[in-house]
């Protein structure tokens, strides 16, 4: 057989499948290999692949217009592996006519192998795809991409891989889809990304949606949830005040649940921790001004700074006790209050607070008056100093 005449055409069809010369028992549908013709019958051409495996192909693929077989025993040809059944391996040669093209696409429909075709034009409902042998098939819009197609004309003229999803009426109606291929590629990328993620790692993402319970962020094709409690160190009343859809954001991976495919993220994990120096900023016994953030049955939470709350713990009301008898009924959210630090547990992010007693408030007021009466340091006049000392002596008498 003369293979030179069809070599260029054969190589162009070889681009329809990934060339992977793997003779032996590990063949995959679409593998291209060189074989030797060992026997010819009216229906089948039996081939040997360098003594490592044997197979056959339809004789109709190598017949001329008169029906004569154009191969001889001993000829070497290039073939493509289709499928194996009951230990027998079926191959095909280069598609050179419509009948061979239909046979090949029928095999592709049965085996699920990918075939490459050229997007010829856009038609009603989808695209017309052309294959060698002037065979045409139809791919609906919904099967061309995983998402919505914005500009269909961009696909015209492109060579793309498809899966044959429908083959009816002896190849007169052929339906194609790219979705299984795209989904498999996406799943592969997702698995690779999952394998690369580590808890505690920082990663960039983009906010995709915002809800009452938190916000979702896209990280390279995977969706992660930033719970409301992980958005900021301070309590966030409305997430929209902090985040917006489309916003690029740096987050920390808090938890990876491979089984449920869930990723928990934290925005506050990349922000400075206000509790880092809490013991130094709020020593026991020190007094501070805060504002009421929440009033609960067991006490009052007071915000000392954004992200740092302390608790004034109060005894629970007795059954039947009238309201208006303790500070829970007198304080409102946002109201300022002076408190004293009783205890700081930084590891648990807890601060115990106490309300200033009347005696302590009087002492504080006296201290403030005393500070106000002290002579100015530095550049006061001699007369100011003398007057101050005379007043002190009168106060002692």
Protein backbone atom coordinates (compact mmCIF):
# COMPACT_ATOMS: atom_id res chain seq x y z
CA UNK A 1 0.00 0.00 0.00
CA UNK A 2 1.23 3.53 -0.75
CA UNK A 3 1.12 5.47 2.47
CA UNK A 4 2.95 8.53 1.12
CA UNK A 5 -0.19 9.72 -0.72
CA UNK A 6 -2.23 9.85 2.44
CA UNK A 7 0.49 10.58 4.98
CA UNK A 8 -0.21 14.32 5.20
CA UNK A 9 -3.93 13.70 5.49
CA UNK A 10 -3.27 10.93 8.01
CA UNK A 11 -1.11 13.18 10.17
CA UNK A 12 -3.73 15.90 10.10
CA UNK A 13 -6.24 13.44 11.51
CA UNK A 14 -3.70 12.32 14.06
CA UNK A 15 -4.17 15.74 15.57
CA UNK A 16 -7.72 14.66 16.39
CA UNK A 17 -6.31 12.43 19.09
CA UNK A 18 -3.41 12.67 21.46
CA UNK A 19 -0.46 10.75 19.99
CA UNK A 20 0.67 8.31 22.64
CA UNK A 21 2.53 5.26 21.30
CA UNK A 22 1.94 2.79 24.13
CA UNK A 23 1.85 -0.73 22.73
CA UNK A 24 0.94 -3.45 25.15
CA UNK A 25 -1.91 -3.98 27.57
CA UNK A 26 -2.08 -0.38 28.78
CA UNK A 27 -3.68 1.07 25.67
CA UNK A 28 -6.13 3.93 26.05
CA UNK A 29 -8.82 4.83 23.51
CA UNK A 30 -7.28 7.23 21.01
CA UNK A 31 -3.68 5.97 21.29
CA UNK A 32 -1.90 6.10 17.90
CA UNK A 33 0.47 3.24 17.05
CA UNK A 34 2.32 1.69 14.13
CA UNK A 35 1.24 -1.87 13.25
CA UNK A 36 2.03 -4.66 10.77
CA UNK A 37 -0.65 -6.37 8.66
CA UNK A 38 -0.50 -10.12 9.41
CA UNK A 39 -3.74 -11.45 7.86
CA UNK A 40 -6.49 -10.19 5.55
CA UNK A 41 -10.07 -11.44 5.27
CA UNK A 42 -13.01 -9.92 3.36
CA UNK A 43 -14.30 -8.36 6.61
CA UNK A 44 -11.26 -7.80 8.82
CA UNK A 45 -7.64 -6.74 8.67
CA UNK A 46 -5.60 -8.39 11.45
CA UNK A 47 -2.58 -6.49 12.70
CA UNK A 48 0.37 -7.02 15.03
CA UNK A 49 1.92 -4.22 17.08
CA UNK A 50 5.55 -5.33 17.22
CA UNK A 51 4.67 -8.62 18.86
CA UNK A 52 3.33 -6.90 22.03
CA UNK A 53 -0.34 -7.02 21.15
CA UNK A 54 -2.66 -7.96 18.30
CA UNK A 55 -5.88 -6.49 17.00
CA UNK A 56 -8.09 -5.94 13.99
CA UNK A 57 -9.87 -3.23 12.00
CA UNK A 58 -12.71 -3.12 9.49
CA UNK A 59 -11.55 -3.98 5.97
CA UNK A 60 -13.95 -1.38 4.61
CA UNK A 61 -11.61 1.31 5.90
CA UNK A 62 -8.88 0.28 3.44
CA UNK A 63 -10.92 -0.40 0.30
CA UNK A 64 -10.81 1.67 -2.87
CA UNK A 65 -13.82 2.84 -4.87
CA UNK A 66 -14.11 -0.58 -6.52
CA UNK A 67 -14.14 -2.37 -3.16
CA UNK A 68 -10.61 -3.74 -3.48
CA UNK A 69 -8.48 -3.91 -0.33
CA UNK A 70 -5.46 -1.68 -0.75
CA UNK A 71 -3.28 -3.43 1.83
CA UNK A 72 -1.04 -6.47 1.65
CA UNK A 73 0.24 -8.78 4.35
CA UNK A 74 3.46 -7.32 5.71
CA UNK A 75 2.47 -3.66 5.14
CA UNK A 76 3.00 -1.30 8.06
CA UNK A 77 0.24 1.17 8.85
CA UNK A 78 -0.69 3.70 11.51
CA UNK A 79 -3.80 2.87 13.55
CA UNK A 80 -5.78 4.28 16.46
CA UNK A 81 -6.96 2.16 19.36
CA UNK A 82 -10.75 2.22 19.87
CA UNK A 83 -11.77 -0.37 22.46
CA UNK A 84 -11.12 -3.85 23.78
CA UNK A 85 -13.80 -6.51 24.25
CA UNK A 86 -13.34 -10.12 25.43
CA UNK A 87 -9.60 -9.72 25.00
CA UNK A 88 -9.88 -8.52 21.39
CA UNK A 89 -8.66 -5.04 20.48
CA UNK A 90 -10.37 -2.98 17.81
CA UNK A 91 -8.48 -0.31 15.86
CA UNK A 92 -9.20 2.19 13.11
CA UNK A 93 -7.07 3.81 10.42
CA UNK A 94 -7.07 7.39 9.30
CA UNK A 95 -10.53 8.63 8.34
CA UNK A 96 -10.48 9.13 4.58
CA UNK A 97 -14.14 8.83 3.63
CA UNK A 98 -17.60 9.44 5.03
CA UNK A 99 -18.23 5.79 5.89
CA UNK A 100 -15.02 5.51 7.89
CA UNK A 101 -15.80 8.82 9.57
CA UNK A 102 -19.23 7.59 10.62
CA UNK A 103 -17.78 4.32 11.89
CA UNK A 104 -15.19 6.19 13.89
CA UNK A 105 -17.74 8.55 15.45
CA UNK A 106 -19.96 5.58 16.25
CA UNK A 107 -17.05 3.96 18.05
CA UNK A 108 -16.41 7.24 19.84
CA UNK A 109 -20.04 7.32 20.98
CA UNK A 110 -19.73 3.79 22.37
CA UNK A 111 -16.34 4.15 24.02
CA UNK A 112 -16.60 7.75 25.22
CA UNK A 113 -13.28 8.83 23.70
CA UNK A 114 -12.83 12.47 22.76
CA UNK A 115 -12.77 13.49 19.11
CA UNK A 116 -11.56 16.75 17.64
CA UNK A 117 -13.68 18.71 15.21
CA UNK A 118 -13.76 22.15 13.66
CA UNK A 119 -16.50 24.62 14.54
CA UNK A 120 -17.79 25.42 11.06
CA UNK A 121 -20.51 27.95 11.87
CA UNK A 122 -23.21 29.00 14.29
CA UNK A 123 -26.69 27.71 13.55
CA UNK A 124 -30.03 27.83 15.34
CA UNK A 125 -29.61 26.49 18.86
CA UNK A 126 -25.88 25.85 18.68
CA UNK A 127 -22.95 25.10 16.38
CA UNK A 128 -22.26 22.97 13.32
CA UNK A 129 -19.09 20.89 13.80
CA UNK A 130 -17.20 19.44 10.83
CA UNK A 131 -15.10 16.25 10.81
CA UNK A 132 -12.91 14.61 8.19
CA UNK A 133 -14.91 12.84 5.49
CA UNK A 134 -17.28 15.85 5.36
CA UNK A 135 -19.23 14.53 8.33
CA UNK A 136 -21.08 17.19 10.32
CA UNK A 137 -22.48 17.10 13.82
CA UNK A 138 -24.40 19.44 16.13
CA UNK A 139 -23.32 20.88 19.46
CA UNK A 140 -25.98 22.87 21.40
CA UNK A 141 -25.05 26.17 23.06
CA UNK A 142 -25.61 24.57 26.48
CA UNK A 143 -23.03 21.86 25.72
CA UNK A 144 -20.26 24.13 24.41
CA UNK A 145 -19.31 25.67 27.77
CA UNK A 146 -19.94 25.13 31.48
CA UNK A 147 -21.31 28.64 31.76
CA UNK A 148 -23.16 31.04 29.53
CA UNK A 149 -21.69 31.86 26.09
CA UNK A 150 -21.33 35.61 25.69
CA UNK A 151 -19.96 35.74 22.11
CA UNK A 152 -20.73 32.63 19.99
CA UNK A 153 -18.83 33.94 16.95
CA UNK A 154 -15.55 33.55 18.84
CA UNK A 155 -15.82 29.76 18.53
CA UNK A 156 -16.14 29.65 14.73
CA UNK A 157 -13.01 28.22 13.09
CA UNK A 158 -11.60 26.69 16.27
CA UNK A 159 -10.54 23.04 16.58
CA UNK A 160 -12.04 21.66 19.79
CA UNK A 161 -12.43 18.31 21.55
CA UNK A 162 -15.92 16.84 21.86
CA UNK A 163 -17.67 13.77 23.25
CA UNK A 164 -20.24 12.08 21.01
CA UNK A 165 -23.45 12.03 23.06
CA UNK A 166 -25.84 10.91 20.34
CA UNK A 167 -25.38 8.82 17.18
CA UNK A 168 -28.61 7.95 15.35
CA UNK A 169 -29.86 7.05 11.85
CA UNK A 170 -26.47 5.57 10.88
CA UNK A 171 -24.66 8.81 11.52
CA UNK A 172 -27.12 11.18 9.90
CA UNK A 173 -27.81 12.74 13.30
CA UNK A 174 -24.75 13.18 15.51
CA UNK A 175 -24.82 15.19 18.73
CA UNK A 176 -21.76 16.47 20.56
CA UNK A 177 -20.85 17.98 23.90
CA UNK A 178 -17.77 19.62 25.41
CA UNK A 179 -19.15 19.66 28.95
CA UNK A 180 -17.84 16.21 30.06
CA UNK A 181 -14.34 17.20 28.93
CA UNK A 182 -14.51 20.62 30.58
CA UNK A 183 -15.95 19.16 33.77
CA UNK A 184 -13.22 16.52 33.92
CA UNK A 185 -10.54 19.19 33.44
CA UNK A 186 -12.15 21.40 36.08
CA UNK A 187 -12.39 18.51 38.53
CA UNK A 188 -8.73 17.72 37.92
CA UNK A 189 -7.77 21.34 38.61
CA UNK A 190 -9.94 21.38 41.74
CA UNK A 191 -8.30 18.22 43.04
CA UNK A 192 -4.84 19.67 42.37
CA UNK A 193 -5.85 22.86 44.18
CA UNK A 194 -7.36 20.94 47.10
CA UNK A 195 -4.14 18.96 47.43
CA UNK A 196 -2.13 22.22 47.49
CA UNK A 197 -4.21 23.92 50.21
CA UNK A 198 -3.04 23.92 53.82
CA UNK A 199 -4.80 25.07 56.98
CA UNK A 200 -3.22 28.27 58.28
CA UNK A 201 -2.03 29.38 54.83
CA UNK A 202 -2.80 32.85 53.50
CA UNK A 203 -4.44 33.06 50.07
CA UNK A 204 -6.04 35.68 47.83
CA UNK A 205 -9.72 35.41 46.93
CA UNK A 206 -12.63 37.38 45.48
CA UNK A 207 -15.96 37.95 47.24
CA UNK A 208 -18.76 36.30 45.23
CA UNK A 209 -21.79 36.68 47.52
CA UNK A 210 -22.75 38.12 50.90
CA UNK A 211 -25.31 36.68 53.35
CA UNK A 212 -26.38 37.23 56.95
CA UNK A 213 -24.21 34.33 58.12
CA UNK A 214 -21.08 35.37 56.24
CA UNK A 215 -19.56 35.85 52.79
CA UNK A 216 -18.39 33.42 50.10
CA UNK A 217 -15.06 33.94 48.37
CA UNK A 218 -13.69 32.32 45.21
CA UNK A 219 -10.14 31.00 45.53
CA UNK A 220 -8.90 29.81 42.14
CA UNK A 221 -12.21 28.15 41.28
CA UNK A 222 -13.06 26.84 44.76
CA UNK A 223 -15.68 28.44 47.02
CA UNK A 224 -14.84 29.16 50.65
CA UNK A 225 -17.00 30.64 53.41
CA UNK A 226 -15.94 33.51 55.64
CA UNK A 227 -18.30 33.22 58.65
CA UNK A 228 -19.61 36.47 60.10
CA UNK A 229 -17.50 35.89 63.22
CA UNK A 230 -14.33 35.70 61.07
CA UNK A 231 -14.81 38.94 59.14
CA UNK A 232 -13.38 41.33 61.74
CA UNK A 233 -12.13 41.34 65.32
CA UNK A 234 -14.86 43.84 66.11
CA UNK A 235 -18.50 42.76 66.03
CA UNK A 236 -19.93 43.39 62.53
CA UNK A 237 -23.60 44.33 62.42
CA UNK A 238 -23.85 44.60 58.62
CA UNK A 239 -21.34 42.66 56.51
CA UNK A 240 -22.00 45.01 53.58
CA UNK A 241 -20.30 47.76 55.60
CA UNK A 242 -17.04 45.79 55.45
CA UNK A 243 -17.16 43.67 52.26
CA UNK A 244 -18.58 44.01 48.75
CA UNK A 245 -19.14 41.56 45.88
CA UNK A 246 -16.16 41.51 43.51
CA UNK A 247 -13.74 42.71 46.18
CA UNK A 248 -10.27 41.13 46.19
CA UNK A 249 -9.42 39.94 49.67
CA UNK A 250 -6.61 38.18 51.53
CA UNK A 251 -7.78 35.44 53.88
CA UNK A 252 -6.43 32.66 56.07
CA UNK A 253 -7.56 29.05 55.58
CA UNK A 254 -9.10 28.07 58.92
CA UNK A 255 -10.45 24.60 58.09
CA UNK A 256 -10.46 22.16 55.18
CA UNK A 257 -13.17 19.49 55.07
CA UNK A 258 -12.21 17.17 52.22
CA UNK A 259 -15.19 14.86 52.75
CA UNK A 260 -17.81 17.63 52.52
CA UNK A 261 -15.70 19.79 50.19
CA UNK A 262 -15.99 22.77 52.50
CA UNK A 263 -13.42 25.50 53.05
CA UNK A 264 -13.65 27.85 56.03
CA UNK A 265 -11.79 31.15 55.68
CA UNK A 266 -10.97 34.05 57.96
CA UNK A 267 -10.45 37.70 57.12
CA UNK A 268 -9.65 38.78 60.66
CA UNK A 269 -6.82 36.24 60.68
CA UNK A 270 -4.75 38.56 58.47
CA UNK A 271 -5.56 41.64 60.59
CA UNK A 272 -3.57 42.70 63.68
CA UNK A 273 -4.88 40.93 66.80
CA UNK A 274 -6.03 43.60 69.27
CA UNK A 275 -5.69 41.07 72.10
CA UNK A 276 -1.94 40.69 71.52
CA UNK A 277 -1.01 43.34 74.13
CA UNK A 278 -4.25 43.33 76.13
CA UNK A 279 -2.55 42.49 79.45
CA UNK A 280 -0.22 45.48 79.09
CA UNK A 281 -2.90 47.92 77.92
CA UNK A 282 -5.45 46.83 80.53
CA UNK A 283 -3.62 45.98 83.80
CA UNK A 284 -5.65 44.79 86.78
CA UNK A 285 -7.11 47.68 88.72
CA UNK A 286 -6.82 50.21 85.90
CA UNK A 287 -9.80 52.36 84.96
CA UNK A 288 -11.08 52.86 81.42
CA UNK A 289 -13.95 54.44 79.52
CA UNK A 290 -15.84 52.07 77.19
CA UNK A 291 -19.25 51.83 75.60
CA UNK A 292 -22.02 49.31 76.08
CA UNK A 293 -22.13 46.82 73.19
CA UNK A 294 -24.65 44.27 74.51
CA UNK A 295 -26.92 43.81 77.50
CA UNK A 296 -27.56 40.13 78.28
CA UNK A 297 -29.34 38.32 81.14
CA UNK A 298 -26.07 37.56 82.95
CA UNK A 299 -24.38 40.94 82.54
CA UNK A 300 -23.24 43.74 80.29
CA UNK A 301 -20.58 43.59 77.56
CA UNK A 302 -18.46 46.71 77.28
CA UNK A 303 -16.25 47.47 74.27
CA UNK A 304 -12.91 48.91 75.35
CA UNK A 305 -11.61 49.17 71.77
CA UNK A 306 -12.70 47.58 68.44
CA UNK A 307 -12.38 43.83 68.90
CA UNK A 308 -11.79 43.91 72.65
CA UNK A 309 -14.85 43.46 74.85
CA UNK A 310 -15.07 42.92 78.57
CA UNK A 311 -17.94 41.61 80.70
CA UNK A 312 -19.55 43.10 83.76
CA UNK A 313 -21.04 39.97 85.25
CA UNK A 314 -24.27 40.45 87.19
CA UNK A 315 -26.37 37.93 89.16
CA UNK A 316 -29.38 36.63 87.28
CA UNK A 317 -32.72 38.11 88.26
CA UNK A 318 -34.76 36.23 90.77
CA UNK A 319 -38.14 34.99 89.68
CA UNK A 320 -40.72 37.73 90.14
CA UNK A 321 -38.05 40.40 90.71
CA UNK A 322 -39.12 43.79 89.45
CA UNK A 323 -37.21 45.42 86.62
CA UNK A 324 -35.38 48.69 87.09
CA UNK A 325 -33.36 47.53 90.08
CA UNK A 326 -29.96 46.98 88.43
CA UNK A 327 -27.81 48.49 85.71
CA UNK A 328 -29.15 46.13 83.01
CA UNK A 329 -32.28 48.29 82.98
CA UNK A 330 -30.40 51.58 83.03
CA UNK A 331 -27.78 51.02 80.33
CA UNK A 332 -28.35 51.14 76.58
CA UNK A 333 -26.22 50.05 73.66
CA UNK A 334 -23.71 52.73 72.71
CA UNK A 335 -23.79 54.39 76.15
CA UNK A 336 -20.37 55.28 77.60
CA UNK A 337 -19.40 53.84 80.96
CA UNK A 338 -16.35 53.92 83.22
CA UNK A 339 -15.16 50.50 84.35
CA UNK A 340 -12.34 48.92 86.34
CA UNK A 341 -10.27 45.96 85.08
CA UNK A 342 -10.59 42.95 87.38
CA UNK A 343 -8.90 40.24 85.34
CA UNK A 344 -7.48 39.64 81.83
CA UNK A 345 -7.15 36.15 80.30
CA UNK A 346 -5.51 36.86 76.94
CA UNK A 347 -5.44 33.24 75.70
CA UNK A 348 -9.23 32.97 76.09
CA UNK A 349 -9.80 36.60 75.08
CA UNK A 350 -11.69 37.42 78.25
CA UNK A 351 -11.69 40.51 80.41
CA UNK A 352 -13.66 40.72 83.64
CA UNK A 353 -14.89 44.20 84.46
CA UNK A 354 -16.40 45.89 87.47
CA UNK A 355 -18.48 49.02 87.77
CA UNK A 356 -16.95 51.83 89.76
CA UNK A 357 -18.51 52.08 93.25
CA UNK A 358 -19.73 55.43 94.60
CA UNK A 359 -16.69 55.58 96.88
CA UNK A 360 -14.33 54.86 93.97
CA UNK A 361 -16.12 57.39 91.79
CA UNK A 362 -15.76 60.02 94.55
CA UNK A 363 -12.06 59.20 94.90
CA UNK A 364 -11.64 59.50 91.12
CA UNK A 365 -13.43 62.84 91.15
CA UNK A 366 -11.20 64.03 94.02
CA UNK A 367 -8.12 62.94 92.09
CA UNK A 368 -9.32 64.85 89.07
CA UNK A 369 -9.92 67.98 91.20
CA UNK A 370 -6.49 67.56 92.78
CA UNK A 371 -4.87 67.34 89.40
CA UNK A 372 -6.71 70.46 88.36
CA UNK A 373 -5.43 72.36 91.47
CA UNK A 374 -1.78 71.41 90.99
CA UNK A 375 0.43 74.31 89.88
CA UNK A 376 1.43 74.17 86.26
CA UNK A 377 4.78 72.55 85.74
CA UNK A 378 7.51 74.37 83.91
CA UNK A 379 7.07 78.04 83.15
CA UNK A 380 4.72 79.29 85.97
CA UNK A 381 5.61 82.68 87.53
CA UNK A 382 7.10 83.01 91.05
CA UNK A 383 3.91 84.79 92.19
CA UNK A 384 1.78 81.81 91.07
CA UNK A 385 3.93 79.44 93.12
CA UNK A 386 3.74 81.62 96.27
CA UNK A 387 -0.04 81.98 96.00
CA UNK A 388 -0.41 78.23 95.63
CA UNK A 389 1.68 77.52 98.78
CA UNK A 390 -0.25 80.09 100.84
CA UNK A 391 -3.56 78.48 99.79
CA UNK A 392 -2.27 75.04 100.85
CA UNK A 393 -1.38 76.36 104.34
CA UNK A 394 -4.86 77.85 104.77
CA UNK A 395 -6.45 74.54 103.79
CA UNK A 396 -4.43 72.70 106.46
CA UNK A 397 -5.59 75.15 109.23
